[in-house]
């Protein structure tokens, strides 16, 4: 999935560079790249966060014993 994200960043960066103004380019990059990829990585990272939380709880349990 990382290669797809890198390719998407590249495509959106090229789109942003063709915008007529700097502000339009920045908004294109933010709205077409940063926001969607942020949501995607947040949603796909749920299992990782859950495992990390469980590992921290297990380590705390072992420490208390």
N, C-alpha and C. Protein backbone atom coordinates (compact mmCIF):
# COMPACT_ATOMS: atom_id res chain seq x y z
N UNK A 1 0.82 -1.19 0.00
CA UNK A 1 0.00 0.00 0.00
C UNK A 1 0.87 1.26 0.00
N UNK A 2 2.06 1.15 0.53
CA UNK A 2 2.93 2.31 0.60
C UNK A 2 3.32 2.80 -0.79
N UNK A 3 3.55 1.89 -1.72
CA UNK A 3 3.92 2.30 -3.08
C UNK A 3 2.77 3.05 -3.75
N UNK A 4 1.55 2.67 -3.45
CA UNK A 4 0.39 3.38 -4.01
C UNK A 4 0.30 4.78 -3.42
N UNK A 5 0.57 4.91 -2.14
CA UNK A 5 0.53 6.23 -1.50
C UNK A 5 1.62 7.14 -2.06
N UNK A 6 2.81 6.60 -2.27
CA UNK A 6 3.90 7.40 -2.84
C UNK A 6 3.55 7.83 -4.27
N UNK A 7 2.98 6.93 -5.05
CA UNK A 7 2.57 7.28 -6.41
C UNK A 7 1.49 8.35 -6.39
N UNK A 8 0.55 8.24 -5.46
CA UNK A 8 -0.52 9.23 -5.37
C UNK A 8 0.05 10.59 -4.98
N UNK A 9 1.00 10.62 -4.07
CA UNK A 9 1.64 11.88 -3.69
C UNK A 9 2.32 12.51 -4.91
N UNK A 10 3.00 11.70 -5.69
CA UNK A 10 3.67 12.19 -6.89
C UNK A 10 2.68 12.79 -7.88
N UNK A 11 1.59 12.09 -8.13
CA UNK A 11 0.58 12.57 -9.07
C UNK A 11 -0.03 13.87 -8.59
N UNK A 12 -0.38 13.94 -7.33
CA UNK A 12 -1.00 15.16 -6.80
C UNK A 12 -0.01 16.30 -6.76
N UNK A 13 1.25 16.02 -6.50
CA UNK A 13 2.27 17.06 -6.52
C UNK A 13 2.38 17.65 -7.93
N UNK A 14 2.37 16.81 -8.94
CA UNK A 14 2.40 17.33 -10.31
C UNK A 14 1.15 18.12 -10.64
N UNK A 15 -0.01 17.68 -10.14
CA UNK A 15 -1.24 18.45 -10.32
C UNK A 15 -1.13 19.81 -9.66
N UNK A 16 -0.58 19.84 -8.45
CA UNK A 16 -0.46 21.09 -7.70
C UNK A 16 0.51 22.06 -8.40
N UNK A 17 1.54 21.51 -9.01
CA UNK A 17 2.50 22.36 -9.70
C UNK A 17 1.91 23.03 -10.94
N UNK A 18 0.87 22.47 -11.50
CA UNK A 18 0.26 23.05 -12.70
C UNK A 18 -0.82 24.07 -12.37
N UNK A 19 -1.14 24.24 -11.12
CA UNK A 19 -2.16 25.23 -10.74
C UNK A 19 -1.66 26.64 -11.05
N UNK A 20 -2.57 27.55 -11.36
CA UNK A 20 -2.15 28.90 -11.76
C UNK A 20 -1.57 29.75 -10.63
N UNK A 21 -1.98 29.51 -9.39
CA UNK A 21 -1.43 30.29 -8.27
C UNK A 21 -0.86 29.36 -7.21
N UNK A 22 -0.01 29.91 -6.37
CA UNK A 22 0.59 29.13 -5.30
C UNK A 22 -0.46 28.66 -4.31
N UNK A 23 -1.40 29.52 -3.99
CA UNK A 23 -2.46 29.17 -3.04
C UNK A 23 -3.29 28.01 -3.59
N UNK A 24 -3.62 28.06 -4.85
CA UNK A 24 -4.40 26.97 -5.46
C UNK A 24 -3.59 25.68 -5.44
N UNK A 25 -2.29 25.76 -5.67
CA UNK A 25 -1.44 24.58 -5.63
C UNK A 25 -1.38 23.97 -4.25
N UNK A 26 -1.25 24.82 -3.24
CA UNK A 26 -1.20 24.34 -1.86
C UNK A 26 -2.54 23.70 -1.48
N UNK A 27 -3.63 24.34 -1.84
CA UNK A 27 -4.95 23.78 -1.52
C UNK A 27 -5.19 22.47 -2.26
N UNK A 28 -4.74 22.39 -3.50
CA UNK A 28 -4.88 21.13 -4.25
C UNK A 28 -4.11 20.03 -3.54
N UNK A 29 -2.89 20.32 -3.15
CA UNK A 29 -2.08 19.31 -2.48
C UNK A 29 -2.70 18.89 -1.15
N UNK A 30 -3.17 19.85 -0.39
CA UNK A 30 -3.78 19.52 0.91
C UNK A 30 -5.07 18.73 0.75
N UNK A 31 -5.94 19.17 -0.14
CA UNK A 31 -7.26 18.56 -0.24
C UNK A 31 -7.28 17.26 -1.03
N UNK A 32 -6.34 17.09 -1.95
CA UNK A 32 -6.31 15.85 -2.75
C UNK A 32 -5.29 14.84 -2.24
N UNK A 33 -4.37 15.27 -1.37
CA UNK A 33 -3.30 14.37 -0.96
C UNK A 33 -3.25 14.19 0.56
N UNK A 34 -3.02 15.26 1.27
CA UNK A 34 -2.77 15.15 2.71
C UNK A 34 -4.00 14.65 3.47
N UNK A 35 -5.14 15.24 3.21
CA UNK A 35 -6.35 14.84 3.93
C UNK A 35 -6.78 13.40 3.61
N UNK A 36 -6.90 13.03 2.32
CA UNK A 36 -7.31 11.64 2.05
C UNK A 36 -6.31 10.60 2.54
N UNK A 37 -5.01 10.86 2.36
CA UNK A 37 -4.03 9.88 2.82
C UNK A 37 -4.00 9.82 4.35
N UNK A 38 -4.21 10.94 5.00
CA UNK A 38 -4.28 10.93 6.46
C UNK A 38 -5.43 10.07 6.96
N UNK A 39 -6.58 10.22 6.33
CA UNK A 39 -7.74 9.39 6.69
C UNK A 39 -7.47 7.93 6.39
N UNK A 40 -6.90 7.65 5.23
CA UNK A 40 -6.60 6.27 4.84
C UNK A 40 -5.64 5.61 5.83
N UNK A 41 -4.55 6.30 6.16
CA UNK A 41 -3.59 5.73 7.09
C UNK A 41 -4.16 5.58 8.50
N UNK A 42 -5.04 6.49 8.89
CA UNK A 42 -5.68 6.35 10.20
C UNK A 42 -6.59 5.12 10.22
N UNK A 43 -7.37 4.93 9.17
CA UNK A 43 -8.28 3.79 9.14
C UNK A 43 -7.55 2.46 9.03
N UNK A 44 -6.49 2.40 8.26
CA UNK A 44 -5.76 1.14 8.09
C UNK A 44 -4.81 0.86 9.24
N UNK A 45 -4.57 1.83 10.10
CA UNK A 45 -3.67 1.61 11.23
C UNK A 45 -4.38 1.20 12.50
N UNK A 46 -5.65 0.89 12.41
CA UNK A 46 -6.44 0.53 13.60
C UNK A 46 -5.94 -0.74 14.27
N UNK A 47 -5.61 -1.76 13.50
CA UNK A 47 -5.12 -3.01 14.08
C UNK A 47 -3.79 -2.81 14.77
N UNK A 48 -2.94 -1.98 14.16
CA UNK A 48 -1.63 -1.70 14.75
C UNK A 48 -1.78 -1.00 16.10
N UNK A 49 -2.69 -0.02 16.16
CA UNK A 49 -2.92 0.69 17.42
C UNK A 49 -3.47 -0.25 18.48
N UNK A 50 -4.38 -1.14 18.09
CA UNK A 50 -4.97 -2.09 19.03
C UNK A 50 -3.91 -3.02 19.58
N UNK A 51 -3.03 -3.54 18.71
CA UNK A 51 -1.95 -4.43 19.17
C UNK A 51 -1.01 -3.69 20.12
N UNK A 52 -0.69 -2.45 19.80
CA UNK A 52 0.21 -1.66 20.65
C UNK A 52 -0.43 -1.42 22.03
N UNK A 53 -1.73 -1.13 22.05
CA UNK A 53 -2.45 -0.92 23.30
C UNK A 53 -2.46 -2.19 24.15
N UNK A 54 -2.71 -3.33 23.51
CA UNK A 54 -2.74 -4.61 24.22
C UNK A 54 -1.35 -4.96 24.75
N UNK A 55 -0.31 -4.68 23.99
CA UNK A 55 1.05 -4.96 24.44
C UNK A 55 1.41 -4.08 25.63
N UNK A 56 0.99 -2.83 25.60
CA UNK A 56 1.26 -1.94 26.73
C UNK A 56 0.51 -2.40 27.98
N UNK A 57 -0.72 -2.87 27.83
CA UNK A 57 -1.49 -3.37 28.96
C UNK A 57 -0.85 -4.64 29.53
N UNK A 58 -0.37 -5.51 28.65
CA UNK A 58 0.31 -6.73 29.09
C UNK A 58 1.61 -6.42 29.83
N UNK A 59 2.35 -5.44 29.33
CA UNK A 59 3.60 -5.05 30.00
C UNK A 59 3.30 -4.44 31.37
N UNK A 60 2.25 -3.67 31.47
CA UNK A 60 1.87 -3.09 32.76
C UNK A 60 1.43 -4.17 33.73
N UNK A 61 0.72 -5.18 33.22
CA UNK A 61 0.28 -6.28 34.06
C UNK A 61 1.48 -7.07 34.60
N UNK A 62 2.45 -7.31 33.74
CA UNK A 62 3.67 -8.04 34.16
C UNK A 62 4.47 -7.24 35.17
N UNK A 63 4.48 -5.93 34.99
CA UNK A 63 5.25 -5.06 35.89
C UNK A 63 4.62 -5.08 37.29
N UNK A 64 3.31 -5.13 37.36
CA UNK A 64 2.61 -5.12 38.65
C UNK A 64 2.79 -6.42 39.43
N UNK A 65 3.08 -7.51 38.77
CA UNK A 65 3.19 -8.80 39.45
C UNK A 65 4.51 -8.98 40.12
